[in-house]
PDB file of N, CA and C in Angstrom:
ATOM      1  N   MET A   1    -113.491 -25.015 -53.033  1.00  0.00           N
ATOM      2  CA  MET A   1    -114.720 -24.150 -52.774  1.00  0.00           C
ATOM      3  C   MET A   1    -114.531 -23.362 -51.384  1.00  0.00           C
ATOM      4  N   LEU A   2    -113.928 -24.084 -50.498  1.00  0.00           N
ATOM      5  CA  LEU A   2    -113.696 -23.459 -49.241  1.00  0.00           C
ATOM      6  C   LEU A   2    -112.888 -22.269 -49.360  1.00  0.00           C
ATOM      7  N   VAL A   3    -111.904 -22.423 -50.267  1.00  0.00           N
ATOM      8  CA  VAL A   3    -110.761 -21.368 -50.352  1.00  0.00           C
ATOM      9  C   VAL A   3    -111.552 -20.110 -51.150  1.00  0.00           C
ATOM     10  N   ALA A   4    -112.519 -20.523 -52.041  1.00  0.00           N
ATOM     11  CA  ALA A   4    -113.158 -19.475 -52.747  1.00  0.00           C
ATOM     12  C   ALA A   4    -114.009 -18.672 -51.746  1.00  0.00           C
ATOM     13  N   CYS A   5    -114.642 -19.323 -50.829  1.00  0.00           N
ATOM     14  CA  CYS A   5    -115.364 -18.674 -49.830  1.00  0.00           C
ATOM     15  C   CYS A   5    -114.553 -17.924 -48.968  1.00  0.00           C
ATOM     16  N   ALA A   6    -113.502 -18.439 -48.426  1.00  0.00           N
ATOM     17  CA  ALA A   6    -112.512 -17.661 -47.573  1.00  0.00           C
ATOM     18  C   ALA A   6    -112.026 -16.295 -48.272  1.00  0.00           C
ATOM     19  N   LYS A   7    -111.753 -16.417 -49.578  1.00  0.00           N
ATOM     20  CA  LYS A   7    -111.256 -15.336 -50.298  1.00  0.00           C
ATOM     21  C   LYS A   7    -112.296 -14.182 -50.316  1.00  0.00           C
ATOM     22  N   VAL A   8    -113.596 -14.503 -50.513  1.00  0.00           N
ATOM     23  CA  VAL A   8    -114.635 -13.641 -50.658  1.00  0.00           C
ATOM     24  C   VAL A   8    -114.728 -12.970 -49.120  1.00  0.00           C
ATOM     25  N   ILE A   9    -114.785 -13.736 -48.121  1.00  0.00           N
ATOM     26  CA  ILE A   9    -114.848 -13.203 -46.700  1.00  0.00           C
ATOM     27  C   ILE A   9    -113.629 -12.127 -46.423  1.00  0.00           C
ATOM     28  N   SER A  10    -112.479 -12.622 -46.934  1.00  0.00           N
ATOM     29  CA  SER A  10    -111.331 -11.685 -46.802  1.00  0.00           C
ATOM     30  C   SER A  10    -111.361 -10.518 -47.527  1.00  0.00           C
ATOM     31  N   GLU A  11    -111.962 -10.364 -48.701  1.00  0.00           N
ATOM     32  CA  GLU A  11    -112.109  -9.284 -49.602  1.00  0.00           C
ATOM     33  C   GLU A  11    -113.190  -8.323 -48.764  1.00  0.00           C
ATOM     34  N   CYS A  12    -114.117  -8.983 -48.275  1.00  0.00           N
ATOM     35  CA  CYS A  12    -115.242  -8.048 -47.686  1.00  0.00           C
ATOM     36  C   CYS A  12    -114.840  -7.687 -46.157  1.00  0.00           C
ATOM     37  N   SER A  13    -113.906  -8.085 -45.580  1.00  0.00           N
ATOM     38  CA  SER A  13    -113.574  -7.692 -44.179  1.00  0.00           C
ATOM     39  C   SER A  13    -113.380  -6.307 -44.122  1.00  0.00           C
ATOM     40  N   GLN A  14    -113.928  -5.784 -42.994  1.00  0.00           N
ATOM     41  CA  GLN A  14    -114.126  -4.422 -42.645  1.00  0.00           C
ATOM     42  C   GLN A  14    -112.597  -3.867 -42.339  1.00  0.00           C
ATOM     43  N   ILE A  15    -111.725  -4.621 -42.042  1.00  0.00           N
ATOM     44  CA  ILE A  15    -110.453  -4.225 -41.695  1.00  0.00           C
ATOM     45  C   ILE A  15    -109.686  -3.719 -43.036  1.00  0.00           C
ATOM     46  N   ASN A  16    -110.236  -4.078 -44.161  1.00  0.00           N
ATOM     47  CA  ASN A  16    -109.617  -3.598 -45.407  1.00  0.00           C
ATOM     48  C   ASN A  16    -109.900  -2.025 -45.509  1.00  0.00           C
ATOM     49  N   ARG A  17    -110.882  -1.573 -44.892  1.00  0.00           N
ATOM     50  CA  ARG A  17    -111.208  -0.208 -44.985  1.00  0.00           C
ATOM     51  C   ARG A  17    -110.584   0.555 -43.759  1.00  0.00           C
ATOM     52  N   ASP A  18    -110.696   0.003 -42.631  1.00  0.00           N
ATOM     53  CA  ASP A  18    -110.134   0.591 -41.462  1.00  0.00           C
ATOM     54  C   ASP A  18    -109.442  -0.566 -40.534  1.00  0.00           C
ATOM     55  N   PRO A  19    -108.094  -0.390 -40.202  1.00  0.00           N
ATOM     56  CA  PRO A  19    -107.412  -1.420 -39.582  1.00  0.00           C
ATOM     57  C   PRO A  19    -108.071  -1.538 -38.084  1.00  0.00           C
ATOM     58  N   SER A  20    -108.885  -0.667 -37.601  1.00  0.00           N
ATOM     59  CA  SER A  20    -109.359  -0.710 -36.173  1.00  0.00           C
ATOM     60  C   SER A  20    -110.815  -1.367 -36.148  1.00  0.00           C
ATOM     61  N   LEU A  21    -111.286  -1.797 -37.336  1.00  0.00           N
ATOM     62  CA  LEU A  21    -112.588  -2.477 -37.550  1.00  0.00           C
ATOM     63  C   LEU A  21    -112.417  -3.953 -37.396  1.00  0.00           C
ATOM     64  N   SER A  22    -113.534  -4.662 -37.577  1.00  0.00           N
ATOM     65  CA  SER A  22    -113.777  -6.091 -37.383  1.00  0.00           C
ATOM     66  C   SER A  22    -112.928  -6.673 -38.558  1.00  0.00           C
ATOM     67  N   LEU A  23    -112.435  -8.012 -38.284  1.00  0.00           N
ATOM     68  CA  LEU A  23    -111.867  -8.817 -39.365  1.00  0.00           C
ATOM     69  C   LEU A  23    -113.094  -9.469 -40.167  1.00  0.00           C
ATOM     70  N   LEU A  24    -114.073  -9.509 -39.692  1.00  0.00           N
ATOM     71  CA  LEU A  24    -115.197 -10.182 -40.413  1.00  0.00           C
ATOM     72  C   LEU A  24    -116.115  -9.022 -41.091  1.00  0.00           C
ATOM     73  N   PRO A  25    -116.846  -9.353 -42.061  1.00  0.00           N
ATOM     74  CA  PRO A  25    -117.662  -8.310 -42.856  1.00  0.00           C
ATOM     75  C   PRO A  25    -118.726  -8.023 -41.812  1.00  0.00           C
ATOM     76  N   SER A  26    -119.135  -6.785 -42.088  1.00  0.00           N
ATOM     77  CA  SER A  26    -120.413  -6.235 -41.300  1.00  0.00           C
ATOM     78  C   SER A  26    -121.677  -6.974 -41.643  1.00  0.00           C
ATOM     79  N   LEU A  27    -122.562  -7.187 -40.515  1.00  0.00           N
ATOM     80  CA  LEU A  27    -123.813  -7.814 -40.694  1.00  0.00           C
ATOM     81  C   LEU A  27    -124.663  -6.900 -41.531  1.00  0.00           C
ATOM     82  N   THR A  28    -124.568  -5.645 -41.527  1.00  0.00           N
ATOM     83  CA  THR A  28    -125.202  -4.949 -42.636  1.00  0.00           C
ATOM     84  C   THR A  28    -125.006  -5.244 -44.026  1.00  0.00           C
ATOM     85  N   ASP A  29    -123.848  -5.812 -44.283  1.00  0.00           N
ATOM     86  CA  ASP A  29    -123.574  -6.143 -45.550  1.00  0.00           C
ATOM     87  C   ASP A  29    -123.780  -7.630 -46.028  1.00  0.00           C
ATOM     88  N   ILE A  30    -124.539  -8.398 -44.911  1.00  0.00           N
ATOM     89  CA  ILE A  30    -124.631  -9.778 -45.068  1.00  0.00           C
ATOM     90  C   ILE A  30    -125.185 -10.322 -46.360  1.00  0.00           C
ATOM     91  N   PHE A  31    -126.300  -9.504 -46.934  1.00  0.00           N
ATOM     92  CA  PHE A  31    -126.982 -10.189 -48.130  1.00  0.00           C
ATOM     93  C   PHE A  31    -125.827 -10.082 -49.185  1.00  0.00           C
ATOM     94  N   ASP A  32    -125.104  -9.003 -49.286  1.00  0.00           N
ATOM     95  CA  ASP A  32    -124.224  -8.902 -50.492  1.00  0.00           C
ATOM     96  C   ASP A  32    -122.979  -9.894 -50.284  1.00  0.00           C
ATOM     97  N   VAL A  33    -122.428  -9.932 -49.122  1.00  0.00           N
ATOM     98  CA  VAL A  33    -121.536 -10.976 -48.877  1.00  0.00           C
ATOM     99  C   VAL A  33    -121.911 -12.338 -49.063  1.00  0.00           C
ATOM    100  N   SER A  34    -123.146 -12.705 -48.679  1.00  0.00           N
ATOM    101  CA  SER A  34    -123.635 -14.215 -48.875  1.00  0.00           C
ATOM    102  C   SER A  34    -123.766 -14.314 -50.420  1.00  0.00           C
ATOM    103  N   TYR A  35    -124.275 -13.350 -51.248  1.00  0.00           N
ATOM    104  CA  TYR A  35    -124.327 -13.559 -52.711  1.00  0.00           C
ATOM    105  C   TYR A  35    -122.992 -13.761 -53.313  1.00  0.00           C
ATOM    106  N   LYS A  36    -121.996 -13.016 -52.928  1.00  0.00           N
ATOM    107  CA  LYS A  36    -120.710 -13.056 -53.485  1.00  0.00           C
ATOM    108  C   LYS A  36    -120.018 -14.549 -53.072  1.00  0.00           C
ATOM    109  N   ILE A  37    -120.393 -14.906 -51.855  1.00  0.00           N
ATOM    110  CA  ILE A  37    -119.791 -16.224 -51.556  1.00  0.00           C
ATOM    111  C   ILE A  37    -120.446 -17.250 -52.413  1.00  0.00           C
ATOM    112  N   ALA A  38    -121.947 -17.251 -52.556  1.00  0.00           N
ATOM    113  CA  ALA A  38    -122.525 -18.163 -53.300  1.00  0.00           C
ATOM    114  C   ALA A  38    -121.964 -18.217 -54.823  1.00  0.00           C
ATOM    115  N   TYR A  39    -121.817 -16.959 -55.338  1.00  0.00           N
ATOM    116  CA  TYR A  39    -121.218 -16.864 -56.677  1.00  0.00           C
ATOM    117  C   TYR A  39    -119.832 -17.673 -56.726  1.00  0.00           C
ATOM    118  N   ALA A  40    -118.998 -17.234 -55.831  1.00  0.00           N
ATOM    119  CA  ALA A  40    -117.557 -17.733 -55.886  1.00  0.00           C
ATOM    120  C   ALA A  40    -117.515 -19.193 -55.603  1.00  0.00           C
ATOM    121  N   THR A  41    -118.414 -19.715 -54.755  1.00  0.00           N
ATOM    122  CA  THR A  41    -118.556 -21.186 -54.563  1.00  0.00           C
ATOM    123  C   THR A  41    -118.997 -21.992 -55.894  1.00  0.00           C
ATOM    124  N   SER A  42    -119.997 -21.341 -56.423  1.00  0.00           N
ATOM    125  CA  SER A  42    -120.615 -21.926 -57.597  1.00  0.00           C
ATOM    126  C   SER A  42    -119.361 -22.223 -58.695  1.00  0.00           C
ATOM    127  N   LYS A  43    -118.818 -21.071 -58.951  1.00  0.00           N
ATOM    128  CA  LYS A  43    -117.629 -21.037 -60.037  1.00  0.00           C
ATOM    129  C   LYS A  43    -116.544 -22.027 -59.643  1.00  0.00           C
ATOM    130  N   ALA A  44    -116.269 -22.051 -58.288  1.00  0.00           N
ATOM    131  CA  ALA A  44    -115.130 -23.106 -57.925  1.00  0.00           C
ATOM    132  C   ALA A  44    -115.675 -24.523 -58.013  1.00  0.00           C
ATOM    133  N   ALA A  45    -116.846 -24.733 -57.725  1.00  0.00           N
ATOM    134  CA  ALA A  45    -117.570 -26.089 -57.999  1.00  0.00           C
ATOM    135  C   ALA A  45    -117.480 -26.451 -59.344  1.00  0.00           C
ATOM    136  N   GLN A  46    -117.773 -25.478 -60.303  1.00  0.00           N
ATOM    137  CA  GLN A  46    -117.590 -25.811 -61.754  1.00  0.00           C
ATOM    138  C   GLN A  46    -116.317 -26.083 -62.163  1.00  0.00           C
ATOM    139  N   GLN A  47    -115.412 -25.313 -61.802  1.00  0.00           N
ATOM    140  CA  GLN A  47    -114.059 -25.442 -62.219  1.00  0.00           C
ATOM    141  C   GLN A  47    -113.390 -26.839 -61.546  1.00  0.00           C
ATOM    142  N   THR A  48    -113.901 -27.321 -60.474  1.00  0.00           N
ATOM    143  CA  THR A  48    -113.248 -28.532 -59.895  1.00  0.00           C
ATOM    144  C   THR A  48    -114.248 -29.697 -60.468  1.00  0.00           C
ATOM    145  N   GLY A  49    -115.109 -29.500 -61.283  1.00  0.00           N
ATOM    146  CA  GLY A  49    -115.967 -30.660 -61.792  1.00  0.00           C
ATOM    147  C   GLY A  49    -116.976 -31.161 -61.016  1.00  0.00           C
ATOM    148  N   VAL A  50    -117.371 -30.613 -59.898  1.00  0.00           N
ATOM    149  CA  VAL A  50    -118.353 -31.239 -58.928  1.00  0.00           C
ATOM    150  C   VAL A  50    -119.754 -30.460 -59.355  1.00  0.00           C
ATOM    151  N   ALA A  51    -119.769 -29.672 -60.230  1.00  0.00           N
ATOM    152  CA  ALA A  51    -121.060 -29.018 -60.510  1.00  0.00           C
ATOM    153  C   ALA A  51    -121.101 -29.029 -62.059  1.00  0.00           C
ATOM    154  N   PRO A  52    -122.252 -28.953 -62.640  1.00  0.00           N
ATOM    155  CA  PRO A  52    -122.343 -28.841 -64.141  1.00  0.00           C
ATOM    156  C   PRO A  52    -122.007 -27.372 -64.495  1.00  0.00           C
ATOM    157  N   VAL A  53    -121.234 -27.186 -65.545  1.00  0.00           N
ATOM    158  CA  VAL A  53    -121.047 -25.904 -66.026  1.00  0.00           C
ATOM    159  C   VAL A  53    -122.407 -25.283 -66.668  1.00  0.00           C
ATOM    160  N   ILE A  54    -122.713 -24.108 -66.081  1.00  0.00           N
ATOM    161  CA  ILE A  54    -123.853 -23.341 -66.500  1.00  0.00           C
ATOM    162  C   ILE A  54    -123.531 -21.884 -66.875  1.00  0.00           C
ATOM    163  N   THR A  55    -124.365 -21.178 -67.473  1.00  0.00           N
ATOM    164  CA  THR A  55    -123.961 -19.741 -68.025  1.00  0.00           C
ATOM    165  C   THR A  55    -123.963 -18.930 -66.521  1.00  0.00           C
ATOM    166  N   GLU A  56    -123.397 -17.753 -66.857  1.00  0.00           N
ATOM    167  CA  GLU A  56    -123.156 -16.676 -65.753  1.00  0.00           C
ATOM    168  C   GLU A  56    -124.661 -16.366 -65.423  1.00  0.00           C
ATOM    169  N   GLN A  57    -125.616 -16.216 -66.392  1.00  0.00           N
ATOM    170  CA  GLN A  57    -126.912 -15.790 -66.001  1.00  0.00           C
ATOM    171  C   GLN A  57    -127.606 -16.776 -65.285  1.00  0.00           C
ATOM    172  N   GLU A  58    -127.423 -18.035 -65.638  1.00  0.00           N
ATOM    173  CA  GLU A  58    -127.923 -19.277 -64.748  1.00  0.00           C
ATOM    174  C   GLU A  58    -127.501 -19.224 -63.342  1.00  0.00           C
ATOM    175  N   ILE A  59    -126.276 -18.941 -63.193  1.00  0.00           N
ATOM    176  CA  ILE A  59    -125.573 -18.980 -61.871  1.00  0.00           C
ATOM    177  C   ILE A  59    -126.452 -17.604 -61.019  1.00  0.00           C
ATOM    178  N   HIS A  60    -126.471 -16.581 -61.657  1.00  0.00           N
ATOM    179  CA  HIS A  60    -127.147 -15.590 -61.023  1.00  0.00           C
ATOM    180  C   HIS A  60    -128.613 -15.757 -60.662  1.00  0.00           C
ATOM    181  N   ASP A  61    -129.398 -16.254 -61.733  1.00  0.00           N
ATOM    182  CA  ASP A  61    -130.737 -16.657 -61.498  1.00  0.00           C
ATOM    183  C   ASP A  61    -130.806 -17.634 -60.499  1.00  0.00           C
ATOM    184  N   SER A  62    -129.922 -18.633 -60.252  1.00  0.00           N
ATOM    185  CA  SER A  62    -130.041 -19.590 -59.456  1.00  0.00           C
ATOM    186  C   SER A  62    -130.029 -19.038 -57.837  1.00  0.00           C
ATOM    187  N   ILE A  63    -128.924 -18.278 -57.746  1.00  0.00           N
ATOM    188  CA  ILE A  63    -128.606 -17.467 -56.441  1.00  0.00           C
ATOM    189  C   ILE A  63    -129.874 -16.826 -56.097  1.00  0.00           C
ATOM    190  N   HIS A  64    -130.403 -15.935 -56.987  1.00  0.00           N
ATOM    191  CA  HIS A  64    -131.432 -15.112 -56.703  1.00  0.00           C
ATOM    192  C   HIS A  64    -132.655 -15.764 -56.290  1.00  0.00           C
ATOM    193  N   SER A  65    -132.874 -17.082 -56.944  1.00  0.00           N
ATOM    194  CA  SER A  65    -134.008 -17.800 -56.528  1.00  0.00           C
ATOM    195  C   SER A  65    -133.875 -18.516 -55.406  1.00  0.00           C
ATOM    196  N   ASN A  66    -132.725 -18.809 -54.746  1.00  0.00           N
ATOM    197  CA  ASN A  66    -132.306 -19.479 -53.591  1.00  0.00           C
ATOM    198  C   ASN A  66    -132.008 -18.836 -52.390  1.00  0.00           C
ATOM    199  N   ILE A  67    -131.447 -17.638 -52.545  1.00  0.00           N
ATOM    200  CA  ILE A  67    -130.941 -16.910 -51.398  1.00  0.00           C
ATOM    201  C   ILE A  67    -132.125 -16.467 -50.419  1.00  0.00           C
ATOM    202  N   TRP A  68    -131.883 -16.659 -49.158  1.00  0.00           N
ATOM    203  CA  TRP A  68    -132.714 -16.163 -48.281  1.00  0.00           C
ATOM    204  C   TRP A  68    -132.788 -14.649 -48.120  1.00  0.00           C
ATOM    205  N   LYS A  69    -134.061 -14.183 -48.308  1.00  0.00           N
ATOM    206  CA  LYS A  69    -134.320 -12.704 -48.124  1.00  0.00           C
ATOM    207  C   LYS A  69    -134.897 -12.332 -46.923  1.00  0.00           C
ATOM    208  N   THR A  70    -134.326 -11.504 -46.162  1.00  0.00           N
ATOM    209  CA  THR A  70    -134.963 -11.272 -44.867  1.00  0.00           C
ATOM    210  C   THR A  70    -136.313 -10.559 -45.015  1.00  0.00           C
ATOM    211  N   SER A  71    -137.006 -10.875 -44.112  1.00  0.00           N
ATOM    212  CA  SER A  71    -138.408 -10.102 -44.273  1.00  0.00           C
ATOM    213  C   SER A  71    -138.964 -10.079 -42.790  1.00  0.00           C
ATOM    214  N   TYR A  72    -138.790  -8.966 -41.980  1.00  0.00           N
ATOM    215  CA  TYR A  72    -139.208  -8.962 -40.650  1.00  0.00           C
ATOM    216  C   TYR A  72    -140.457  -8.010 -40.415  1.00  0.00           C
ATOM    217  N   VAL A  73    -141.390  -8.449 -39.667  1.00  0.00           N
ATOM    218  CA  VAL A  73    -142.451  -7.631 -39.139  1.00  0.00           C
ATOM    219  C   VAL A  73    -142.055  -6.575 -38.279  1.00  0.00           C
ATOM    220  N   LYS A  74    -142.253  -5.289 -38.605  1.00  0.00           N
ATOM    221  CA  LYS A  74    -141.989  -4.266 -37.634  1.00  0.00           C
ATOM    222  C   LYS A  74    -142.914  -4.488 -36.352  1.00  0.00           C
ATOM    223  N   TYR A  75    -142.274  -4.460 -35.337  1.00  0.00           N
ATOM    224  CA  TYR A  75    -142.808  -4.549 -33.968  1.00  0.00           C
ATOM    225  C   TYR A  75    -142.844  -3.098 -33.278  1.00  0.00           C
ATOM    226  N   ASN A  76    -143.950  -2.755 -32.651  1.00  0.00           N
ATOM    227  CA  ASN A  76    -144.178  -1.568 -31.820  1.00  0.00           C
ATOM    228  C   ASN A  76    -144.118  -1.941 -30.362  1.00  0.00           C
ATOM    229  N   LEU A  77    -143.134  -1.553 -29.637  1.00  0.00           N
ATOM    230  CA  LEU A  77    -143.209  -1.877 -28.184  1.00  0.00           C
ATOM    231  C   LEU A  77    -144.388  -1.171 -27.607  1.00  0.00           C
ATOM    232  N   LYS A  78    -145.019  -1.821 -26.720  1.00  0.00           N
ATOM    233  CA  LYS A  78    -146.108  -1.143 -25.976  1.00  0.00           C
ATOM    234  C   LYS A  78    -146.114  -1.634 -24.499  1.00  0.00           C
ATOM    235  N   ASN A  79    -146.156  -0.684 -23.653  1.00  0.00           N
ATOM    236  CA  ASN A  79    -146.049  -0.960 -22.122  1.00  0.00           C
ATOM    237  C   ASN A  79    -147.434  -1.675 -21.905  1.00  0.00           C
ATOM    238  N   PRO A  80    -147.502  -2.842 -21.219  1.00  0.00           N
ATOM    239  CA  PRO A  80    -148.798  -3.462 -20.922  1.00  0.00           C
ATOM    240  C   PRO A  80    -149.487  -2.835 -19.779  1.00  0.00           C
ATOM    241  N   LEU A  81    -148.857  -1.930 -19.220  1.00  0.00           N
ATOM    242  CA  LEU A  81    -149.591  -1.167 -18.178  1.00  0.00           C
ATOM    243  C   LEU A  81    -150.307   0.127 -18.684  1.00  0.00           C
ATOM    244  N   ASP A  82    -149.911   0.469 -19.921  1.00  0.00           N
ATOM    245  CA  ASP A  82    -150.565   1.565 -20.543  1.00  0.00           C
ATOM    246  C   ASP A  82    -151.989   1.092 -21.040  1.00  0.00           C
ATOM    247  N   LYS A  83    -152.957   2.162 -21.048  1.00  0.00           N
ATOM    248  CA  LYS A  83    -154.324   1.810 -21.332  1.00  0.00           C
ATOM    249  C   LYS A  83    -154.540   2.550 -22.620  1.00  0.00           C
TER     250      LYS A  83
END
């Protein structure tokens, strides 16, 4: 499972697009990268027998229902000295 995760990170590395960029994936792509890691890990767990075999749709549904979705409140900076 660790190898499956490492392969996904490697495939998503920015350096694949441009050698001058970071070895790690961009944080702007973190949701997609996390999803791919979850999927690859799930498949590897099934193949090694540590997780029950479920359908592709069940894997996707499980990831969608459990993955953290960011939801930030927009803050407007206000100078406390302004009235």
